[in-house]
């Protein structure tokens, strides 16, 4: 049976959990994810985990922060003065917003809102976390 190698396009189902067991994503009930191994479209730890797998095989792997979304970075916490916040923006702590800068979309989460303005977090929501994935290799295309 064929084994996955870098450069192969594969389809896989997965369930992602945090170290405390909280599930953050699951492809069950959806089409399997399709990607080229080694393309950099997914976190490195996930791509590396499927190398050597065979169709129909399932495995569980824990991906350390460095091979997932990296450490949380303080420089991605943005202080926005009140005068730079659009007056029609009704944002609350926990809201997800999309900013545009130089034609690029940046996803941020509102961390704090006060009379001086707001604090936005541009870190990936899973930054700073070790991630566990149960991966089922569906097929090598």
N, C-alpha and C. Protein backbone atom coordinates (compact mmCIF):
# COMPACT_ATOMS: atom_id res chain seq x y z
N UNK A 1 0.85 -1.18 0.00
CA UNK A 1 0.00 0.00 0.00
C UNK A 1 0.90 1.24 0.00
N UNK A 2 0.44 2.28 -0.70
CA UNK A 2 1.23 3.52 -0.82
C UNK A 2 1.25 4.30 0.49
N UNK A 3 2.39 4.92 0.75
CA UNK A 3 2.53 5.78 1.92
C UNK A 3 2.68 7.23 1.45
N UNK A 4 2.18 8.14 2.25
CA UNK A 4 2.24 9.57 1.93
C UNK A 4 3.69 10.03 1.96
N UNK A 5 4.05 10.84 0.95
CA UNK A 5 5.36 11.48 0.94
C UNK A 5 5.15 12.96 0.62
N UNK A 6 6.17 13.77 0.91
CA UNK A 6 6.12 15.20 0.61
C UNK A 6 5.85 15.38 -0.88
N UNK A 7 4.92 16.28 -1.21
CA UNK A 7 4.54 16.52 -2.60
C UNK A 7 3.24 15.86 -2.98
N UNK A 8 2.81 14.84 -2.20
CA UNK A 8 1.53 14.19 -2.48
C UNK A 8 0.38 15.11 -2.09
N UNK A 9 -0.72 14.99 -2.82
CA UNK A 9 -1.96 15.64 -2.42
C UNK A 9 -2.81 14.58 -1.74
N UNK A 10 -3.30 14.92 -0.54
CA UNK A 10 -4.02 13.94 0.26
C UNK A 10 -5.35 14.52 0.74
N UNK A 11 -6.21 13.61 1.17
CA UNK A 11 -7.46 13.98 1.85
C UNK A 11 -7.43 13.32 3.22
N UNK A 12 -7.83 14.09 4.24
CA UNK A 12 -7.81 13.55 5.60
C UNK A 12 -8.96 14.13 6.41
N UNK A 13 -9.44 13.33 7.34
CA UNK A 13 -10.37 13.81 8.36
C UNK A 13 -9.55 14.01 9.63
N UNK A 14 -10.03 14.90 10.49
CA UNK A 14 -9.28 15.19 11.70
C UNK A 14 -10.20 15.69 12.79
N UNK A 15 -9.71 15.54 14.03
CA UNK A 15 -10.33 16.16 15.20
C UNK A 15 -9.20 16.81 15.96
N UNK A 16 -9.32 18.11 16.25
CA UNK A 16 -8.29 18.84 16.97
C UNK A 16 -8.75 19.17 18.37
N UNK A 17 -7.86 18.90 19.35
CA UNK A 17 -8.17 19.22 20.74
C UNK A 17 -6.99 19.92 21.40
N UNK A 18 -7.30 20.67 22.45
CA UNK A 18 -6.27 21.31 23.28
C UNK A 18 -5.81 20.30 24.32
N UNK A 19 -4.76 20.63 25.06
CA UNK A 19 -4.22 19.70 26.06
C UNK A 19 -5.23 19.37 27.16
N UNK A 20 -6.20 20.27 27.40
CA UNK A 20 -7.22 19.99 28.42
C UNK A 20 -8.39 19.19 27.86
N UNK A 21 -8.30 18.79 26.57
CA UNK A 21 -9.35 17.97 25.96
C UNK A 21 -10.41 18.77 25.22
N UNK A 22 -10.37 20.10 25.30
CA UNK A 22 -11.35 20.93 24.60
C UNK A 22 -11.18 20.78 23.10
N UNK A 23 -12.27 20.43 22.41
CA UNK A 23 -12.22 20.28 20.96
C UNK A 23 -12.34 21.66 20.31
N UNK A 24 -11.42 21.99 19.38
CA UNK A 24 -11.48 23.28 18.70
C UNK A 24 -11.85 23.15 17.23
N UNK A 25 -11.77 21.96 16.66
CA UNK A 25 -12.17 21.76 15.27
C UNK A 25 -12.34 20.28 15.02
N UNK A 26 -13.22 19.96 14.06
CA UNK A 26 -13.50 18.57 13.72
C UNK A 26 -14.08 18.55 12.32
N UNK A 27 -13.53 17.73 11.45
CA UNK A 27 -14.01 17.67 10.07
C UNK A 27 -15.17 16.69 9.89
N UNK A 28 -15.58 16.03 10.97
CA UNK A 28 -16.70 15.10 10.90
C UNK A 28 -17.94 15.81 10.36
N UNK A 29 -18.60 15.19 9.41
CA UNK A 29 -19.80 15.79 8.83
C UNK A 29 -19.49 16.75 7.69
N UNK A 30 -18.20 16.96 7.41
CA UNK A 30 -17.79 17.80 6.29
C UNK A 30 -16.93 16.96 5.35
N UNK A 31 -16.62 17.54 4.19
CA UNK A 31 -15.67 16.88 3.31
C UNK A 31 -14.31 16.86 4.00
N UNK A 32 -13.51 15.83 3.74
CA UNK A 32 -12.17 15.82 4.33
C UNK A 32 -11.35 16.98 3.79
N UNK A 33 -10.37 17.40 4.57
CA UNK A 33 -9.47 18.46 4.14
C UNK A 33 -8.56 17.89 3.04
N UNK A 34 -8.32 18.70 2.01
CA UNK A 34 -7.44 18.27 0.93
C UNK A 34 -6.28 19.26 0.86
N UNK A 35 -5.05 18.73 0.80
CA UNK A 35 -3.88 19.61 0.76
C UNK A 35 -2.68 18.88 0.18
N UNK A 36 -1.72 19.66 -0.30
CA UNK A 36 -0.46 19.11 -0.77
C UNK A 36 0.52 19.10 0.40
N UNK A 37 1.04 17.93 0.71
CA UNK A 37 1.97 17.78 1.82
C UNK A 37 3.27 18.53 1.51
N UNK A 38 3.65 19.41 2.43
CA UNK A 38 4.86 20.20 2.25
C UNK A 38 4.63 21.55 1.60
N UNK A 39 3.38 21.87 1.29
CA UNK A 39 3.07 23.14 0.61
C UNK A 39 3.05 24.33 1.57
N UNK A 40 2.97 24.06 2.88
CA UNK A 40 2.91 25.14 3.85
C UNK A 40 1.53 25.73 4.03
N UNK A 41 0.51 25.09 3.47
CA UNK A 41 -0.86 25.60 3.61
C UNK A 41 -1.44 25.28 4.99
N UNK A 42 -0.90 24.25 5.64
CA UNK A 42 -1.34 23.86 6.98
C UNK A 42 -0.17 24.03 7.94
N UNK A 43 -0.46 23.95 9.23
CA UNK A 43 0.64 24.05 10.20
C UNK A 43 1.63 22.91 9.96
N UNK A 44 2.93 23.17 10.15
CA UNK A 44 3.96 22.17 9.85
C UNK A 44 3.74 20.83 10.55
N UNK A 45 3.34 20.87 11.81
CA UNK A 45 3.16 19.63 12.55
C UNK A 45 2.10 18.72 11.96
N UNK A 46 1.03 19.30 11.40
CA UNK A 46 -0.03 18.50 10.78
C UNK A 46 0.49 17.88 9.50
N UNK A 47 1.15 18.70 8.67
CA UNK A 47 1.69 18.18 7.41
C UNK A 47 2.69 17.07 7.66
N UNK A 48 3.59 17.27 8.63
CA UNK A 48 4.60 16.25 8.95
C UNK A 48 3.96 14.97 9.47
N UNK A 49 2.83 15.09 10.18
CA UNK A 49 2.19 13.93 10.80
C UNK A 49 1.64 12.95 9.76
N UNK A 50 1.23 13.44 8.60
CA UNK A 50 0.64 12.52 7.61
C UNK A 50 1.70 11.81 6.78
N UNK A 51 2.95 12.31 6.78
CA UNK A 51 4.01 11.65 6.01
C UNK A 51 4.18 10.23 6.54
N UNK A 52 4.15 9.26 5.63
CA UNK A 52 4.31 7.85 6.00
C UNK A 52 3.00 7.14 6.29
N UNK A 53 1.89 7.89 6.38
CA UNK A 53 0.59 7.25 6.63
C UNK A 53 0.09 6.58 5.34
N UNK A 54 -0.78 5.59 5.52
CA UNK A 54 -1.42 4.89 4.41
C UNK A 54 -2.91 5.17 4.45
N UNK A 55 -3.59 5.17 3.29
CA UNK A 55 -5.04 5.38 3.28
C UNK A 55 -5.74 4.41 4.23
N UNK A 56 -6.67 4.94 5.01
CA UNK A 56 -7.41 4.15 5.99
C UNK A 56 -6.78 4.15 7.37
N UNK A 57 -5.54 4.61 7.47
CA UNK A 57 -4.83 4.64 8.75
C UNK A 57 -5.29 5.84 9.57
N UNK A 58 -5.36 5.64 10.88
CA UNK A 58 -5.68 6.72 11.82
C UNK A 58 -4.56 6.80 12.85
N UNK A 59 -4.19 8.02 13.20
CA UNK A 59 -3.20 8.18 14.26
C UNK A 59 -3.49 9.45 15.03
N UNK A 60 -2.98 9.49 16.26
CA UNK A 60 -3.12 10.67 17.11
C UNK A 60 -1.73 11.23 17.34
N UNK A 61 -1.60 12.54 17.16
CA UNK A 61 -0.31 13.19 17.30
C UNK A 61 -0.50 14.48 18.09
N UNK A 62 0.45 14.77 18.99
CA UNK A 62 0.45 16.04 19.70
C UNK A 62 1.51 16.92 19.06
N UNK A 63 1.08 18.10 18.64
CA UNK A 63 1.95 19.04 17.93
C UNK A 63 2.33 20.16 18.89
N UNK A 64 3.65 20.31 19.14
CA UNK A 64 4.08 21.38 20.04
C UNK A 64 3.85 22.76 19.42
N UNK A 65 3.75 23.76 20.28
CA UNK A 65 3.49 25.15 19.89
C UNK A 65 4.31 25.56 18.66
N UNK A 66 5.60 25.21 18.67
CA UNK A 66 6.51 25.66 17.60
C UNK A 66 6.11 25.13 16.23
N UNK A 67 5.47 23.95 16.18
CA UNK A 67 5.04 23.36 14.90
C UNK A 67 3.55 23.58 14.66
N UNK A 68 2.93 24.38 15.51
CA UNK A 68 1.51 24.71 15.36
C UNK A 68 1.42 26.19 14.96
N UNK A 69 0.85 27.02 15.82
CA UNK A 69 0.68 28.44 15.49
C UNK A 69 1.69 29.35 16.19
N UNK A 70 2.70 28.75 16.81
CA UNK A 70 3.76 29.53 17.45
C UNK A 70 3.34 30.09 18.79
N UNK A 71 4.30 30.74 19.44
CA UNK A 71 4.05 31.37 20.73
C UNK A 71 3.19 32.63 20.55
N UNK A 72 2.46 33.00 21.57
CA UNK A 72 1.76 34.29 21.56
C UNK A 72 2.82 35.39 21.58
N UNK A 73 2.59 36.43 20.82
CA UNK A 73 3.57 37.51 20.73
C UNK A 73 2.95 38.82 21.20
N UNK A 74 3.60 39.45 22.19
CA UNK A 74 3.11 40.70 22.76
C UNK A 74 3.00 41.80 21.71
N UNK A 75 3.90 41.79 20.71
CA UNK A 75 3.86 42.85 19.70
C UNK A 75 2.62 42.76 18.80
N UNK A 76 1.86 41.67 18.91
CA UNK A 76 0.61 41.55 18.15
C UNK A 76 -0.60 42.02 18.95
N UNK A 77 -0.35 42.60 20.11
CA UNK A 77 -1.41 43.25 20.89
C UNK A 77 -1.40 44.72 20.47
N UNK A 78 -2.51 45.18 19.93
CA UNK A 78 -2.58 46.52 19.35
C UNK A 78 -3.44 47.43 20.20
N UNK A 79 -2.86 48.54 20.62
CA UNK A 79 -3.60 49.56 21.37
C UNK A 79 -4.14 50.57 20.34
N UNK A 80 -5.46 50.71 20.30
CA UNK A 80 -6.08 51.62 19.34
C UNK A 80 -6.72 52.77 20.12
N UNK A 81 -6.19 54.00 19.96
CA UNK A 81 -6.77 55.16 20.65
C UNK A 81 -8.21 55.40 20.19
N UNK A 82 -9.02 55.92 21.11
CA UNK A 82 -10.44 56.14 20.83
C UNK A 82 -10.68 56.91 19.54
N UNK A 83 -9.83 57.91 19.25
CA UNK A 83 -10.03 58.73 18.05
C UNK A 83 -9.78 57.95 16.75
N UNK A 84 -9.16 56.77 16.85
CA UNK A 84 -8.94 55.94 15.65
C UNK A 84 -9.97 54.84 15.50
N UNK A 85 -10.86 54.72 16.48
CA UNK A 85 -11.93 53.71 16.41
C UNK A 85 -13.11 54.33 15.66
N UNK A 86 -13.58 53.66 14.60
CA UNK A 86 -14.74 54.19 13.88
C UNK A 86 -15.92 54.42 14.84
N UNK A 87 -16.56 55.62 14.77
CA UNK A 87 -17.62 55.94 15.72
C UNK A 87 -18.81 54.98 15.66
N UNK A 88 -19.04 54.33 14.52
CA UNK A 88 -20.19 53.43 14.39
C UNK A 88 -19.85 52.00 14.80
N UNK A 89 -18.60 51.75 15.24
CA UNK A 89 -18.20 50.40 15.64
C UNK A 89 -18.67 50.13 17.07
N UNK A 90 -19.53 49.13 17.20
CA UNK A 90 -20.04 48.74 18.51
C UNK A 90 -19.41 47.39 18.87
N UNK A 91 -18.15 47.42 19.31
CA UNK A 91 -17.41 46.20 19.59
C UNK A 91 -17.36 45.92 21.08
N UNK A 92 -17.43 44.64 21.41
CA UNK A 92 -17.36 44.19 22.80
C UNK A 92 -16.19 43.22 22.95
N UNK A 93 -15.74 43.05 24.18
CA UNK A 93 -14.67 42.09 24.48
C UNK A 93 -15.08 40.72 23.96
N UNK A 94 -14.15 40.08 23.23
CA UNK A 94 -14.41 38.75 22.68
C UNK A 94 -14.85 38.77 21.22
N UNK A 95 -15.25 39.94 20.73
CA UNK A 95 -15.67 40.03 19.32
C UNK A 95 -14.48 39.82 18.40
N UNK A 96 -14.72 39.17 17.28
CA UNK A 96 -13.71 39.03 16.23
C UNK A 96 -13.97 40.10 15.18
N UNK A 97 -12.90 40.78 14.78
CA UNK A 97 -13.00 41.83 13.76
C UNK A 97 -11.99 41.55 12.65
N UNK A 98 -12.24 42.14 11.49
CA UNK A 98 -11.29 42.05 10.38
C UNK A 98 -10.85 43.46 10.05
N UNK A 99 -9.53 43.69 10.16
CA UNK A 99 -8.95 44.98 9.80
C UNK A 99 -8.33 44.85 8.41
N UNK A 100 -8.25 45.96 7.69
CA UNK A 100 -7.56 45.93 6.42
C UNK A 100 -6.38 46.88 6.50
N UNK A 101 -5.22 46.37 6.10
CA UNK A 101 -4.01 47.19 6.11
C UNK A 101 -3.18 46.85 4.88
N UNK A 102 -2.92 47.86 4.07
CA UNK A 102 -2.16 47.66 2.82
C UNK A 102 -2.76 46.56 1.96
N UNK A 103 -4.09 46.52 1.91
CA UNK A 103 -4.78 45.53 1.08
C UNK A 103 -4.84 44.13 1.67
N UNK A 104 -4.31 43.94 2.88
CA UNK A 104 -4.34 42.63 3.53
C UNK A 104 -5.36 42.63 4.66
N UNK A 105 -6.08 41.51 4.79
CA UNK A 105 -7.02 41.37 5.90
C UNK A 105 -6.28 40.81 7.11
N UNK A 106 -6.52 41.41 8.26
CA UNK A 106 -5.93 40.95 9.52
C UNK A 106 -7.08 40.66 10.48
N UNK A 107 -7.15 39.42 10.94
CA UNK A 107 -8.19 39.04 11.91
C UNK A 107 -7.69 39.36 13.32
N UNK A 108 -8.54 40.01 14.09
CA UNK A 108 -8.18 40.37 15.46
C UNK A 108 -9.34 40.06 16.38
N UNK A 109 -9.03 39.94 17.66
CA UNK A 109 -10.07 39.74 18.68
C UNK A 109 -9.99 40.92 19.64
N UNK A 110 -11.15 41.45 20.02
CA UNK A 110 -11.22 42.56 20.96
C UNK A 110 -10.92 42.02 22.36
N UNK A 111 -9.86 42.56 22.98
CA UNK A 111 -9.45 42.12 24.32
C UNK A 111 -9.91 43.07 25.41
N UNK A 112 -9.98 44.37 25.09
CA UNK A 112 -10.34 45.36 26.11
C UNK A 112 -10.98 46.55 25.41
N UNK A 113 -12.00 47.12 26.02
CA UNK A 113 -12.64 48.34 25.54
C UNK A 113 -12.80 49.26 26.75
N UNK A 114 -12.32 50.52 26.60
CA UNK A 114 -12.50 51.49 27.67
C UNK A 114 -12.60 52.89 27.08
N UNK A 115 -12.63 53.90 27.92
CA UNK A 115 -12.79 55.28 27.46
C UNK A 115 -11.61 55.77 26.62
N UNK A 116 -10.46 55.13 26.77
CA UNK A 116 -9.27 55.54 26.00
C UNK A 116 -9.23 54.91 24.61
N UNK A 117 -9.98 53.83 24.41
CA UNK A 117 -9.96 53.13 23.12
C UNK A 117 -10.15 51.65 23.32
N UNK A 118 -9.39 50.85 22.57
CA UNK A 118 -9.52 49.40 22.71
C UNK A 118 -8.19 48.71 22.46
N UNK A 119 -8.09 47.49 22.99
CA UNK A 119 -6.93 46.64 22.76
C UNK A 119 -7.38 45.48 21.89
N UNK A 120 -6.63 45.26 20.80
CA UNK A 120 -6.94 44.19 19.86
C UNK A 120 -5.80 43.18 19.86
N UNK A 121 -6.16 41.91 19.76
CA UNK A 121 -5.17 40.82 19.75
C UNK A 121 -5.12 40.22 18.35
N UNK A 122 -3.97 40.39 17.67
CA UNK A 122 -3.80 39.86 16.32
C UNK A 122 -3.12 38.49 16.31
N UNK A 123 -2.87 37.91 17.49
CA UNK A 123 -2.34 36.55 17.55
C UNK A 123 -3.39 35.58 17.02
N UNK A 124 -2.96 34.46 16.42
CA UNK A 124 -3.91 33.41 16.05
C UNK A 124 -4.57 32.92 17.34
N UNK A 125 -5.86 32.61 17.32
CA UNK A 125 -6.54 32.17 18.54
C UNK A 125 -5.88 30.94 19.21
N UNK A 126 -5.18 30.12 18.43
CA UNK A 126 -4.55 28.93 18.98
C UNK A 126 -3.05 29.12 19.23
N UNK A 127 -2.55 30.35 19.07
CA UNK A 127 -1.13 30.62 19.37
C UNK A 127 -0.86 30.31 20.84
N UNK A 128 0.31 29.75 21.10
CA UNK A 128 0.69 29.43 22.47
C UNK A 128 0.16 28.10 22.97
N UNK A 129 -0.50 27.35 22.11
CA UNK A 129 -1.12 26.08 22.52
C UNK A 129 -0.44 24.90 21.84
N UNK A 130 -0.21 23.82 22.60
CA UNK A 130 0.12 22.53 22.01
C UNK A 130 -1.21 21.96 21.52
N UNK A 131 -1.22 21.35 20.35
CA UNK A 131 -2.46 20.85 19.76
C UNK A 131 -2.38 19.34 19.54
N UNK A 132 -3.46 18.64 19.82
CA UNK A 132 -3.54 17.21 19.55
C UNK A 132 -4.53 16.98 18.42
N UNK A 133 -4.10 16.21 17.44
CA UNK A 133 -4.97 15.88 16.32
C UNK A 133 -5.11 14.37 16.20
N UNK A 134 -6.34 13.92 16.02
CA UNK A 134 -6.60 12.57 15.60
C UNK A 134 -6.81 12.68 14.09
N UNK A 135 -5.94 12.04 13.32
CA UNK A 135 -5.95 12.18 11.86
C UNK A 135 -6.29 10.84 11.23
N UNK A 136 -7.25 10.84 10.30
CA UNK A 136 -7.56 9.67 9.50
C UNK A 136 -7.22 10.00 8.05
N UNK A 137 -6.25 9.30 7.48
CA UNK A 137 -5.90 9.54 6.08
C UNK A 137 -6.94 8.85 5.19
N UNK A 138 -7.67 9.65 4.44
CA UNK A 138 -8.74 9.12 3.59
C UNK A 138 -8.18 8.58 2.28
N UNK A 139 -7.36 9.41 1.60
CA UNK A 139 -6.78 8.94 0.35
C UNK A 139 -5.59 9.79 -0.06
N UNK A 140 -4.76 9.19 -0.90
CA UNK A 140 -3.68 9.89 -1.59
C UNK A 140 -4.19 10.07 -3.02
N UNK A 141 -4.22 11.31 -3.48
CA UNK A 141 -4.81 11.60 -4.80
C UNK A 141 -3.75 11.47 -5.89
